[in-house]
Amino acid sequence: MRSGREVFDEGQAASRLRVPVAAWRWAIGPGLVPAADVGPGRWSRAVVEAADPEAVRAALRGPVGAGGPRTG
């Protein structure tokens, strides 16, 4: 499942992992995805391929759920 692409922007990286772009963005904050390593907003293929799609998805679920309405 290797593409010929060597550099990915956030949309391409998210698409490659089959996760929402918002999840990719959230995953950068806590370091689940390293900061862009090729230039501003650009990641190398090695970084994208090393990312764990489930961890990236989970990064989005946590903060969104925490902002929900309070009960009790």
Protein backbone atom coordinates (compact mmCIF):
# COMPACT_ATOMS: atom_id res chain seq x y z
CA MET A 1 0.00 0.00 0.00
CA ARG A 2 2.80 2.40 -0.86
CA SER A 3 2.14 5.42 -2.97
CA GLY A 4 4.69 7.27 -5.05
CA ARG A 5 4.18 10.34 -2.86
CA GLU A 6 7.10 11.33 -0.64
CA VAL A 7 5.57 14.40 1.05
CA PHE A 8 2.04 14.82 2.42
CA ASP A 9 0.05 17.84 3.56
CA GLU A 10 -2.45 17.31 6.40
CA GLY A 11 -5.32 16.44 4.06
CA GLN A 12 -3.25 13.93 2.14
CA ALA A 13 -1.87 12.41 5.34
CA ALA A 14 -5.36 12.04 6.81
CA SER A 15 -6.61 10.52 3.58
CA ARG A 16 -3.70 8.08 3.53
CA LEU A 17 -4.61 6.91 7.05
CA ARG A 18 -8.37 7.06 6.32
CA VAL A 19 -9.03 9.38 9.22
CA PRO A 20 -10.73 12.80 9.30
CA VAL A 21 -8.45 15.80 8.83
CA ALA A 22 -9.66 17.09 12.21
CA ALA A 23 -8.38 13.89 13.85
CA TRP A 24 -4.97 14.37 12.23
CA ARG A 25 -4.85 17.94 13.56
CA TRP A 26 -5.86 16.86 17.08
CA ALA A 27 -3.24 14.09 17.07
CA ILE A 28 -0.43 16.58 16.47
CA GLY A 29 -1.08 18.41 19.76
CA PRO A 30 -0.34 15.54 22.16
CA GLY A 31 2.45 14.21 19.92
CA LEU A 32 0.63 11.17 18.51
CA VAL A 33 1.74 12.56 15.17
CA PRO A 34 5.09 14.35 15.10
CA ALA A 35 5.26 17.97 14.04
CA ALA A 36 5.67 18.54 10.33
CA ASP A 37 9.13 17.30 9.40
CA VAL A 38 9.48 18.42 5.78
CA GLY A 39 8.29 22.01 6.04
CA PRO A 40 5.35 23.94 7.42
CA GLY A 41 2.31 21.64 7.29
CA ARG A 42 4.16 18.89 5.41
CA TRP A 43 5.11 15.40 6.57
CA SER A 44 7.40 12.80 5.09
CA ARG A 45 6.07 9.45 3.98
CA ALA A 46 7.97 7.77 6.84
CA VAL A 47 6.10 9.83 9.45
CA VAL A 48 2.70 9.26 7.83
CA GLU A 49 3.28 5.52 7.47
CA ALA A 50 4.43 5.26 11.10
CA ALA A 51 1.28 6.95 12.43
CA ASP A 52 -1.28 4.68 14.09
CA PRO A 53 -4.70 5.40 12.54
CA GLU A 54 -6.58 4.19 15.64
CA ALA A 55 -4.55 6.46 17.92
CA VAL A 56 -5.19 9.37 15.55
CA ARG A 57 -8.96 8.69 15.62
CA ALA A 58 -8.88 8.40 19.41
CA ALA A 59 -7.21 11.82 19.66
CA LEU A 60 -10.31 13.37 18.12
CA ARG A 61 -12.81 11.44 20.25
CA GLY A 62 -11.26 12.51 23.56
CA PRO A 63 -11.32 16.30 23.23
CA VAL A 64 -14.69 16.36 21.48
CA GLY A 65 -16.33 14.26 24.18
CA ALA A 66 -14.80 16.41 26.89
CA GLY A 67 -16.51 19.49 25.47
CA GLY A 68 -19.99 18.01 25.58
CA PRO A 69 -22.80 19.16 27.85
CA ARG A 70 -22.40 18.59 31.56
CA THR A 71 -24.78 16.43 33.50
CA GLY A 72 -25.38 16.36 37.20
